[in-house]
Amino acid sequence: MGTDTVRAAPPADEGAAGRRREQRGWYFYDWACSVYSTSVLTVFLGPYLTEIAKSAADGDGYVHPLGIPVSAGAFFAYAVSASVIVSVLVMPLAGAAADRTGRKKPLLAVAAYVGAASTAGMFFLDGDRYLLGGFLLIVSNAALAVSMVVYNSYLPQIAPPQERDAVSSRGWAFGYAAGALVLVANLVLFLAHDTFGVSESTAVRICLASAGVWWGAFTLVPLRRLRDRKVPPSEASARGWRQLASTVRDMRRHPHTLSFLLAYLVYNDGVQTVISQASVYGSEELGLGQSTLIVAVLLVQVLAVAGALAMGRLARTYGAKRTILGSLVAWTVTIGAGFFLPAGAPVWFFALAAGIGLVLGGSQALSRSLFSHLVPAGKEAEYFSAYEISDRGMAWLGPLIFGLTYQLTGSYRDAIVSLVAFFVIGFVLLARVPVRRAIRDAGNPVPDRI
């Protein structure tokens, strides 16, 4: 979760109706911003920015941002890494400002509209403007990260403990629904661009920019329905980097919780890199068209929900840890199989997308729920703040490895298979975590199946 301003449940005098109104408004920020993650980061921007970088490359296939020689084919991956590093630097500062003042809505508005504006600005990516593309990607990703810290910190205020799982899940579902809906519209525009009187590249730029317009328009709903609370001075005195440092020191008293967090950071970095780089692999290595990539991501969106529900049922039978370990085996097999996909064969890419979708939602959802058992009572907000910041703090490494592997080998197949290491190492680290002992050490009851 993001940095939390108030950990207590909402006061009873707020009333159920008012709380439901805020919750419904809160869901709509997921509806607003998830389109960026799906349409821009996962589908369109990677292949399109790579083509722009290639058009600006020298005879050896290199571009030179800030005078640094970078393979044009790796530029997008490096830009994603840079955006994550910037995100990690600004997230604690934003969280500290929100906690100190209690004025979350202005911060949410600024972050959301900076992100929406930079995304809408991607309409102007044409010719050889790869530096503009990299800059807009870094700004929009950092803005999204800041907005999510503020957005997540509302959850303890708008939902008592017994409602939080359901409220959080509904927000997640809203995001996936919006992503799928807009992708369908993108697919229609892209396939029928001649009918609409625009070129293929213009259709892509419209799809990119429309995600920013959607983000900005629907952000109005949470800004109207959410409300700020006054923060007592004691609550605002130790936040941001100071709270994060204090939480990490406290975690050292729970080494098994830290061990699980390390395992999660490793394999989740692999997950996030696959999400952001799969479209580049499909377009550049397999020679697949944009319409094929859109359909594949739609398949992932639908199957991620089904996979999460199915893995939840498996966890009730076999325990969360075993189910996650099984998902990491599935990730390893799926990404390893991706190395052998024949070029120009959409059906095999769809099979890869189906495999990713079936394990995507479940592996992340179960990881979060398992971590919640390892958190000492009364420290949920602090530990989940570290979880959020640390999650993004590691997410630069996978794209960097992907980009370096491509730059050194010239092969996206080698780049994609290099990500197998994240799932193998994550599996080994997770397998070594004594989960039951970790739960007892955190002072929590041990479930029958875990």
Protein backbone atom coordinates (compact mmCIF):
# COMPACT_ATOMS: atom_id res chain seq x y z
CA MET A 1 0.00 0.00 0.00
CA GLY A 2 1.07 3.63 -0.28
CA THR A 3 2.09 5.91 2.60
CA ASP A 4 -0.93 6.09 4.93
CA THR A 5 -1.96 9.29 6.63
CA VAL A 6 -4.51 7.81 9.04
CA ARG A 7 -4.43 4.20 10.07
CA ALA A 8 -7.65 4.06 12.01
CA ALA A 9 -10.98 3.01 10.54
CA PRO A 10 -13.34 5.83 9.53
CA PRO A 11 -15.32 7.26 12.47
CA ALA A 12 -18.77 5.80 12.92
CA ASP A 13 -20.47 9.19 12.54
CA GLU A 14 -19.39 9.40 8.90
CA GLY A 15 -22.22 7.02 8.10
CA ALA A 16 -22.32 4.07 5.76
CA ALA A 17 -23.80 6.10 2.90
CA GLY A 18 -21.02 8.68 2.97
CA ARG A 19 -18.40 5.95 3.18
CA ARG A 20 -19.87 4.11 0.18
CA ARG A 21 -19.90 7.36 -1.79
CA GLU A 22 -16.20 7.88 -1.11
CA GLN A 23 -15.44 4.27 -1.94
CA ARG A 24 -17.18 4.55 -5.29
CA GLY A 25 -15.23 7.69 -6.03
CA TRP A 26 -12.02 5.95 -5.00
CA TYR A 27 -12.64 3.08 -7.44
CA PHE A 28 -12.74 5.55 -10.30
CA TYR A 29 -9.10 6.52 -9.95
CA ASP A 30 -8.17 2.94 -10.84
CA TRP A 31 -10.63 3.25 -13.74
CA ALA A 32 -8.90 6.49 -14.77
CA CYS A 33 -5.20 5.63 -14.56
CA SER A 34 -5.12 1.92 -15.43
CA VAL A 35 -5.67 2.77 -19.09
CA TYR A 36 -2.20 4.33 -19.10
CA SER A 37 -0.61 1.13 -17.81
CA THR A 38 -2.48 -1.03 -20.32
CA SER A 39 -2.69 0.98 -23.54
CA VAL A 40 0.47 3.08 -23.24
CA LEU A 41 3.03 1.13 -21.25
CA THR A 42 2.03 -2.41 -22.20
CA VAL A 43 0.81 -2.10 -25.81
CA PHE A 44 1.62 0.96 -27.86
CA LEU A 45 4.54 2.96 -26.52
CA GLY A 46 7.22 0.25 -26.51
CA PRO A 47 7.06 -0.73 -30.19
CA TYR A 48 6.33 2.83 -31.36
CA LEU A 49 9.13 4.49 -29.38
CA THR A 50 11.53 1.78 -30.50
CA GLU A 51 10.71 2.58 -34.14
CA ILE A 52 11.22 6.30 -33.51
CA ALA A 53 14.58 5.59 -31.86
CA LYS A 54 15.61 3.43 -34.82
CA SER A 55 14.74 6.23 -37.24
CA ALA A 56 17.04 8.53 -35.27
CA ALA A 57 19.88 5.99 -34.95
CA ASP A 58 23.27 6.28 -36.61
CA GLY A 59 24.65 3.79 -39.10
CA ASP A 60 25.52 1.36 -36.31
CA GLY A 61 22.01 1.40 -34.86
CA TYR A 62 22.81 3.62 -31.87
CA VAL A 63 21.19 6.76 -30.50
CA HIS A 64 23.10 9.10 -28.18
CA PRO A 65 20.95 10.55 -25.37
CA LEU A 66 23.18 12.84 -23.25
CA GLY A 67 26.09 11.66 -25.38
CA ILE A 68 25.73 8.05 -24.19
CA PRO A 69 25.68 5.39 -26.96
CA VAL A 70 22.49 3.34 -26.58
CA SER A 71 21.21 0.66 -28.93
CA ALA A 72 17.99 2.01 -30.43
CA GLY A 73 16.30 -1.32 -29.75
CA ALA A 74 17.08 -1.01 -26.02
CA PHE A 75 16.10 2.64 -25.59
CA PHE A 76 12.56 1.93 -24.36
CA ALA A 77 13.77 -0.55 -21.72
CA TYR A 78 16.36 1.94 -20.44
CA ALA A 79 13.73 4.69 -20.32
CA VAL A 80 11.47 2.47 -18.22
CA SER A 81 14.37 1.84 -15.81
CA ALA A 82 15.06 5.56 -15.55
CA SER A 83 11.40 6.29 -14.89
CA VAL A 84 11.31 3.82 -12.01
CA ILE A 85 14.41 5.34 -10.41
CA VAL A 86 12.83 8.81 -10.61
CA SER A 87 9.61 7.38 -9.15
CA VAL A 88 11.42 5.98 -6.13
CA LEU A 89 13.05 9.34 -5.45
CA VAL A 90 9.81 11.33 -5.55
CA MET A 91 7.34 8.92 -3.91
CA PRO A 92 8.53 9.37 -0.31
CA LEU A 93 8.61 13.15 -0.75
CA ALA A 94 5.02 13.15 -1.98
CA GLY A 95 3.96 10.86 0.84
CA ALA A 96 5.64 13.11 3.40
CA ALA A 97 3.89 16.18 2.00
CA ALA A 98 0.50 14.44 2.08
CA ASP A 99 1.03 13.24 5.65
CA ARG A 100 2.36 16.56 6.93
CA THR A 101 -0.48 18.68 5.54
CA GLY A 102 -3.34 16.16 5.30
CA ARG A 103 -4.22 17.77 1.94
CA LYS A 104 -4.16 14.72 -0.26
CA LYS A 105 -6.59 15.83 -2.95
CA PRO A 106 -4.40 18.68 -4.27
CA LEU A 107 -1.42 16.32 -4.46
CA LEU A 108 -3.51 13.64 -6.18
CA ALA A 109 -4.76 16.25 -8.63
CA VAL A 110 -1.29 17.59 -9.44
CA ALA A 111 0.22 14.11 -9.92
CA ALA A 112 -2.73 12.86 -11.97
CA TYR A 113 -2.86 15.84 -14.28
CA VAL A 114 0.91 16.00 -14.78
CA GLY A 115 0.71 12.33 -15.78
CA ALA A 116 -2.35 12.85 -17.95
CA ALA A 117 -0.84 15.88 -19.69
CA SER A 118 2.47 14.14 -20.41
CA THR A 119 0.57 11.14 -21.77
CA ALA A 120 -1.64 13.33 -23.96
CA GLY A 121 1.58 14.99 -25.18
CA MET A 122 2.62 11.68 -26.72
CA PHE A 123 0.43 12.66 -29.67
CA PHE A 124 3.42 14.74 -30.81
CA LEU A 125 5.78 11.75 -31.00
CA ASP A 126 6.66 11.42 -34.64
CA GLY A 127 9.70 11.58 -36.86
CA ASP A 128 12.83 11.05 -34.78
CA ARG A 129 11.66 12.58 -31.48
CA TYR A 130 12.85 9.68 -29.35
CA LEU A 131 14.20 12.01 -26.63
CA LEU A 132 10.76 13.60 -26.26
CA GLY A 133 9.28 10.10 -25.99
CA GLY A 134 11.75 9.09 -23.29
CA PHE A 135 11.11 12.31 -21.37
CA LEU A 136 7.32 11.96 -21.50
CA LEU A 137 7.60 8.33 -20.41
CA ILE A 138 9.71 9.25 -17.39
CA VAL A 139 7.37 12.09 -16.37
CA SER A 140 4.17 10.08 -16.81
CA ASN A 141 5.50 7.02 -14.98
CA ALA A 142 6.78 9.11 -12.07
CA ALA A 143 3.49 11.01 -11.90
CA LEU A 144 1.56 7.73 -11.85
CA ALA A 145 3.74 6.42 -9.02
CA VAL A 146 3.19 9.54 -6.92
CA SER A 147 -0.54 9.50 -7.54
CA MET A 148 -0.75 5.84 -6.51
CA VAL A 149 0.98 6.54 -3.18
CA VAL A 150 -1.61 9.23 -2.42
CA TYR A 151 -4.48 7.15 -3.82
CA ASN A 152 -3.59 4.05 -1.79
CA SER A 153 -3.25 6.09 1.39
CA TYR A 154 -6.99 6.84 1.26
CA LEU A 155 -7.92 3.18 1.77
CA PRO A 156 -7.66 3.10 5.60
CA GLN A 157 -9.75 6.27 5.73
CA ILE A 158 -12.63 5.12 3.54
CA ALA A 159 -12.90 1.47 4.62
CA PRO A 160 -12.84 -0.21 8.05
CA PRO A 161 -10.58 -3.27 8.32
CA GLN A 162 -13.31 -5.79 7.53
CA GLU A 163 -14.09 -4.02 4.23
CA ARG A 164 -10.61 -3.31 2.92
CA ASP A 165 -10.04 -6.55 1.01
CA ALA A 166 -13.32 -6.14 -0.85
CA VAL A 167 -12.83 -2.42 -1.52
CA SER A 168 -9.28 -2.93 -2.75
CA SER A 169 -10.36 -5.80 -5.01
CA ARG A 170 -13.16 -3.74 -6.54
CA GLY A 171 -10.72 -0.98 -7.40
CA TRP A 172 -8.44 -3.54 -9.04
CA ALA A 173 -11.40 -4.90 -11.04
CA PHE A 174 -12.39 -1.40 -12.15
CA GLY A 175 -8.88 -0.90 -13.52
CA TYR A 176 -8.87 -4.12 -15.53
CA ALA A 177 -12.34 -3.36 -16.91
CA ALA A 178 -11.29 0.10 -18.06
CA GLY A 179 -8.12 -1.27 -19.63
CA ALA A 180 -10.05 -3.85 -21.61
CA LEU A 181 -12.74 -1.38 -22.70
CA VAL A 182 -10.29 1.20 -24.02
CA LEU A 183 -8.18 -1.46 -25.71
CA VAL A 184 -11.22 -2.58 -27.69
CA ALA A 185 -11.72 1.01 -28.86
CA ASN A 186 -7.98 1.22 -29.68
CA LEU A 187 -8.22 -1.96 -31.71
CA VAL A 188 -11.15 -0.60 -33.75
CA LEU A 189 -9.28 2.64 -34.49
CA PHE A 190 -6.04 0.90 -35.35
CA LEU A 191 -7.57 -1.70 -37.66
CA ALA A 192 -9.90 0.79 -39.38
CA HIS A 193 -7.55 3.78 -39.47
CA ASP A 194 -8.06 4.17 -43.23
CA THR A 195 -11.81 4.36 -42.69
CA PHE A 196 -11.26 7.15 -40.18
CA GLY A 197 -8.96 8.93 -42.62
CA VAL A 198 -5.75 8.71 -40.58
CA SER A 199 -2.44 6.93 -41.05
CA GLU A 200 -1.34 3.99 -38.94
CA SER A 201 1.19 6.08 -37.01
CA THR A 202 -1.41 8.78 -36.40
CA ALA A 203 -3.81 6.12 -35.09
CA VAL A 204 -1.13 4.97 -32.63
CA ARG A 205 -0.52 8.55 -31.50
CA ILE A 206 -4.25 9.05 -31.00
CA CYS A 207 -4.40 5.86 -28.90
CA LEU A 208 -1.49 7.11 -26.76
CA ALA A 209 -2.95 10.57 -26.29
CA SER A 210 -6.48 9.31 -25.62
CA ALA A 211 -5.18 7.43 -22.57
CA GLY A 212 -4.07 10.78 -21.15
CA VAL A 213 -7.44 12.37 -21.90
CA TRP A 214 -9.24 9.41 -20.26
CA TRP A 215 -6.94 9.62 -17.23
CA GLY A 216 -7.59 13.32 -16.75
CA ALA A 217 -11.34 13.17 -17.37
CA PHE A 218 -12.16 10.36 -14.94
CA THR A 219 -9.85 11.73 -12.25
CA LEU A 220 -12.56 14.34 -11.71
CA VAL A 221 -14.74 11.67 -10.05
CA PRO A 222 -12.42 10.83 -7.11
CA LEU A 223 -11.49 14.51 -6.76
CA ARG A 224 -15.18 15.33 -6.26
CA ARG A 225 -16.01 12.45 -3.91
CA LEU A 226 -12.93 11.96 -1.75
CA ARG A 227 -12.32 14.33 1.12
CA ASP A 228 -9.32 15.32 3.18
CA ARG A 229 -9.03 14.77 6.93
CA LYS A 230 -7.12 16.81 9.46
CA VAL A 231 -3.93 15.13 10.58
CA PRO A 232 -2.92 15.35 14.27
CA PRO A 233 0.62 16.70 14.76
CA SER A 234 1.74 13.34 16.17
CA GLU A 235 0.67 11.64 12.95
CA ALA A 236 2.57 14.08 10.75
CA SER A 237 5.87 14.17 12.61
CA ALA A 238 7.65 11.12 11.23
CA ARG A 239 6.76 10.39 7.65
CA GLY A 240 8.36 10.03 4.26
CA TRP A 241 11.96 8.85 4.31
CA ARG A 242 12.08 9.00 8.14
CA GLN A 243 9.14 6.61 8.47
CA LEU A 244 10.55 4.30 5.81
CA ALA A 245 13.89 4.14 7.66
CA SER A 246 12.09 3.48 10.95
CA THR A 247 10.01 0.70 9.36
CA VAL A 248 13.07 -0.98 7.87
CA ARG A 249 14.76 -0.91 11.28
CA ASP A 250 11.67 -2.53 12.80
CA MET A 251 11.64 -5.17 10.06
CA ARG A 252 15.08 -6.31 11.16
CA ARG A 253 13.35 -7.76 14.22
CA HIS A 254 11.33 -9.91 11.80
CA PRO A 255 13.98 -11.40 9.48
CA HIS A 256 11.59 -13.94 7.92
CA THR A 257 9.26 -11.12 6.86
CA LEU A 258 12.25 -9.41 5.26
CA SER A 259 13.20 -12.68 3.56
CA PHE A 260 9.76 -12.96 2.01
CA LEU A 261 9.89 -9.33 0.90
CA LEU A 262 13.24 -9.95 -0.81
CA ALA A 263 11.87 -12.98 -2.64
CA TYR A 264 8.83 -11.00 -3.75
CA LEU A 265 10.93 -8.09 -4.99
CA VAL A 266 12.99 -10.41 -7.15
CA TYR A 267 10.21 -12.36 -8.85
CA ASN A 268 7.87 -9.38 -9.09
CA ASP A 269 10.59 -7.48 -10.95
CA GLY A 270 10.49 -10.27 -13.51
CA VAL A 271 6.69 -9.98 -13.69
CA GLN A 272 6.76 -6.22 -14.23
CA THR A 273 9.47 -6.47 -16.89
CA VAL A 274 7.55 -9.09 -18.85
CA ILE A 275 4.48 -6.82 -18.78
CA SER A 276 6.37 -3.78 -20.07
CA GLN A 277 8.62 -5.53 -22.63
CA ALA A 278 6.39 -8.26 -24.11
CA SER A 279 5.00 -5.97 -26.79
CA VAL A 280 8.52 -4.97 -27.89
CA TYR A 281 9.44 -8.66 -28.11
CA GLY A 282 6.32 -9.42 -30.13
CA SER A 283 6.79 -6.58 -32.60
CA GLU A 284 10.57 -6.49 -32.99
CA GLU A 285 11.57 -10.16 -32.68
CA LEU A 286 8.42 -11.98 -33.81
CA GLY A 287 7.35 -9.45 -36.42
CA LEU A 288 3.78 -9.27 -35.16
CA GLY A 289 1.47 -6.39 -36.00
CA GLN A 290 -0.04 -3.94 -33.54
CA SER A 291 -3.50 -5.49 -33.83
CA THR A 292 -2.09 -8.87 -32.77
CA LEU A 293 -0.44 -7.25 -29.73
CA ILE A 294 -3.68 -5.53 -28.74
CA VAL A 295 -5.66 -8.79 -28.92
CA ALA A 296 -2.94 -10.54 -26.90
CA VAL A 297 -3.10 -7.92 -24.14
CA LEU A 298 -6.90 -8.14 -24.10
CA LEU A 299 -6.48 -11.88 -23.60
CA VAL A 300 -4.13 -11.21 -20.70
CA GLN A 301 -6.64 -8.77 -19.15
CA VAL A 302 -9.49 -11.28 -19.21
CA LEU A 303 -7.47 -14.31 -18.12
CA ALA A 304 -5.74 -12.38 -15.31
CA VAL A 305 -9.09 -12.08 -13.53
CA ALA A 306 -9.96 -15.74 -14.12
CA GLY A 307 -6.46 -16.82 -13.09
CA ALA A 308 -6.60 -14.82 -9.88
CA LEU A 309 -9.90 -16.44 -8.90
CA ALA A 310 -8.61 -19.91 -9.78
CA MET A 311 -5.36 -19.43 -7.85
CA GLY A 312 -7.35 -18.16 -4.89
CA ARG A 313 -9.22 -21.47 -4.84
CA LEU A 314 -5.95 -23.40 -5.15
CA ALA A 315 -4.57 -21.44 -2.21
CA ARG A 316 -7.48 -22.56 -0.05
CA THR A 317 -6.54 -26.16 -0.79
CA TYR A 318 -2.74 -26.09 -1.00
CA GLY A 319 -1.85 -22.86 0.81
CA ALA A 320 -0.71 -19.50 -0.57
CA LYS A 321 3.01 -20.25 -0.45
CA ARG A 322 2.76 -23.48 -2.45
CA THR A 323 0.42 -21.85 -4.95
CA ILE A 324 2.81 -18.93 -5.47
CA LEU A 325 5.71 -21.36 -5.89
CA GLY A 326 3.65 -23.22 -8.48
CA SER A 327 2.96 -19.94 -10.29
CA LEU A 328 6.70 -19.19 -10.40
CA VAL A 329 7.28 -22.57 -12.05
CA ALA A 330 4.56 -21.65 -14.55
CA TRP A 331 6.20 -18.25 -15.14
CA THR A 332 9.57 -19.94 -15.75
CA VAL A 333 8.10 -22.42 -18.23
CA THR A 334 6.06 -19.74 -20.01
CA ILE A 335 8.95 -17.28 -20.45
CA GLY A 336 11.32 -20.10 -21.37
CA ALA A 337 8.86 -21.23 -24.03
CA GLY A 338 8.70 -17.67 -25.29
CA PHE A 339 12.32 -18.00 -26.40
CA PHE A 340 11.28 -20.63 -28.96
CA LEU A 341 8.23 -18.86 -30.43
CA PRO A 342 8.37 -18.81 -34.23
CA ALA A 343 8.30 -15.41 -35.90
CA GLY A 344 5.12 -14.37 -37.68
CA ALA A 345 2.90 -16.89 -35.86
CA PRO A 346 0.23 -15.02 -33.86
CA VAL A 347 -1.38 -18.19 -32.49
CA TRP A 348 1.75 -19.07 -30.50
CA PHE A 349 2.02 -15.52 -29.17
CA PHE A 350 -1.61 -15.79 -28.05
CA ALA A 351 -0.70 -19.01 -26.24
CA LEU A 352 2.13 -17.14 -24.51
CA ALA A 353 -0.28 -14.35 -23.56
CA ALA A 354 -2.75 -16.91 -22.16
CA GLY A 355 -0.02 -18.43 -20.01
CA ILE A 356 0.97 -15.01 -18.70
CA GLY A 357 -2.62 -14.03 -17.99
CA LEU A 358 -3.41 -17.17 -16.03
CA VAL A 359 -0.55 -16.59 -13.56
CA LEU A 360 -0.36 -12.78 -13.56
CA GLY A 361 -3.24 -11.71 -11.34
CA GLY A 362 -2.98 -14.67 -8.96
CA SER A 363 0.75 -14.45 -8.27
CA GLN A 364 0.48 -10.76 -7.36
CA ALA A 365 -2.75 -11.02 -5.38
CA LEU A 366 -1.57 -14.00 -3.33
CA SER A 367 1.79 -12.37 -2.68
CA ARG A 368 0.07 -9.35 -1.17
CA SER A 369 -2.24 -11.47 0.97
CA LEU A 370 0.62 -13.68 2.17
CA PHE A 371 2.68 -10.63 3.10
CA SER A 372 -0.25 -9.32 5.14
CA HIS A 373 0.06 -12.36 7.45
CA LEU A 374 3.72 -11.50 8.10
CA VAL A 375 3.01 -7.95 9.28
CA PRO A 376 2.88 -7.30 13.05
CA ALA A 377 -0.52 -6.07 14.27
CA GLY A 378 -0.74 -2.29 14.38
CA LYS A 379 2.03 -1.81 11.79
CA GLU A 380 0.06 -2.59 8.64
CA ALA A 381 0.31 0.89 7.15
CA GLU A 382 4.04 1.21 7.79
CA TYR A 383 4.91 -2.20 6.39
CA PHE A 384 2.75 -1.79 3.30
CA SER A 385 4.29 1.63 2.69
CA ALA A 386 7.70 -0.04 2.59
CA TYR A 387 6.20 -2.79 0.42
CA GLU A 388 5.02 -0.24 -2.16
CA ILE A 389 8.23 1.79 -2.22
CA SER A 390 10.49 -1.26 -2.21
CA ASP A 391 8.40 -2.87 -4.97
CA ARG A 392 9.03 0.03 -7.31
CA GLY A 393 12.59 0.34 -6.05
CA MET A 394 13.54 -3.01 -7.55
CA ALA A 395 11.46 -2.69 -10.72
CA TRP A 396 14.25 -0.91 -12.61
CA LEU A 397 16.57 -3.92 -12.61
CA GLY A 398 14.55 -6.17 -14.94
CA PRO A 399 14.23 -3.60 -17.76
CA LEU A 400 17.92 -2.78 -17.33
CA ILE A 401 18.90 -6.46 -17.67
CA PHE A 402 16.55 -6.78 -20.65
CA GLY A 403 18.07 -3.72 -22.33
CA LEU A 404 21.67 -4.69 -21.59
CA THR A 405 21.13 -8.24 -22.86
CA TYR A 406 19.70 -6.93 -26.11
CA GLN A 407 22.49 -4.37 -26.49
CA LEU A 408 25.18 -7.03 -25.93
CA THR A 409 23.62 -9.81 -28.02
CA GLY A 410 21.40 -8.00 -30.52
CA SER A 411 18.68 -10.58 -29.80
CA TYR A 412 15.33 -9.99 -28.13
CA ARG A 413 15.09 -13.75 -27.63
CA ASP A 414 18.15 -13.64 -25.40
CA ALA A 415 16.73 -10.56 -23.67
CA ILE A 416 13.38 -12.20 -22.88
CA VAL A 417 14.90 -15.46 -21.67
CA SER A 418 17.27 -13.53 -19.37
CA LEU A 419 14.19 -12.75 -17.26
CA VAL A 420 13.86 -16.43 -16.31
CA ALA A 421 16.58 -15.78 -13.72
CA PHE A 422 14.22 -13.54 -11.73
CA PHE A 423 11.63 -16.31 -11.38
CA VAL A 424 14.18 -19.03 -10.58
CA ILE A 425 15.96 -16.94 -7.94
CA GLY A 426 12.62 -15.77 -6.55
CA PHE A 427 11.45 -19.38 -6.29
CA VAL A 428 14.58 -20.41 -4.36
CA LEU A 429 14.32 -17.44 -1.99
CA LEU A 430 10.61 -17.98 -1.33
CA ALA A 431 11.02 -21.73 -0.82
CA ARG A 432 13.50 -20.99 1.99
CA VAL A 433 11.09 -18.74 3.92
CA PRO A 434 9.56 -20.58 6.93
CA VAL A 435 6.17 -18.97 6.49
CA ARG A 436 4.45 -20.49 9.55
CA ARG A 437 7.30 -19.43 11.83
CA ALA A 438 7.29 -15.97 10.24
CA ILE A 439 3.58 -15.58 10.99
CA ARG A 440 4.06 -16.68 14.60
CA ASP A 441 7.04 -14.35 15.01
CA ALA A 442 4.87 -11.47 13.77
CA GLY A 443 2.36 -12.29 16.53
CA ASN A 444 -0.42 -13.37 14.18
CA PRO A 445 -2.55 -16.55 14.21
CA VAL A 446 -1.38 -19.18 11.74
CA PRO A 447 -4.09 -20.22 9.24
CA ASP A 448 -4.70 -23.93 8.64
CA ARG A 449 -3.55 -23.50 5.04
CA ILE A 450 -0.77 -21.07 4.29
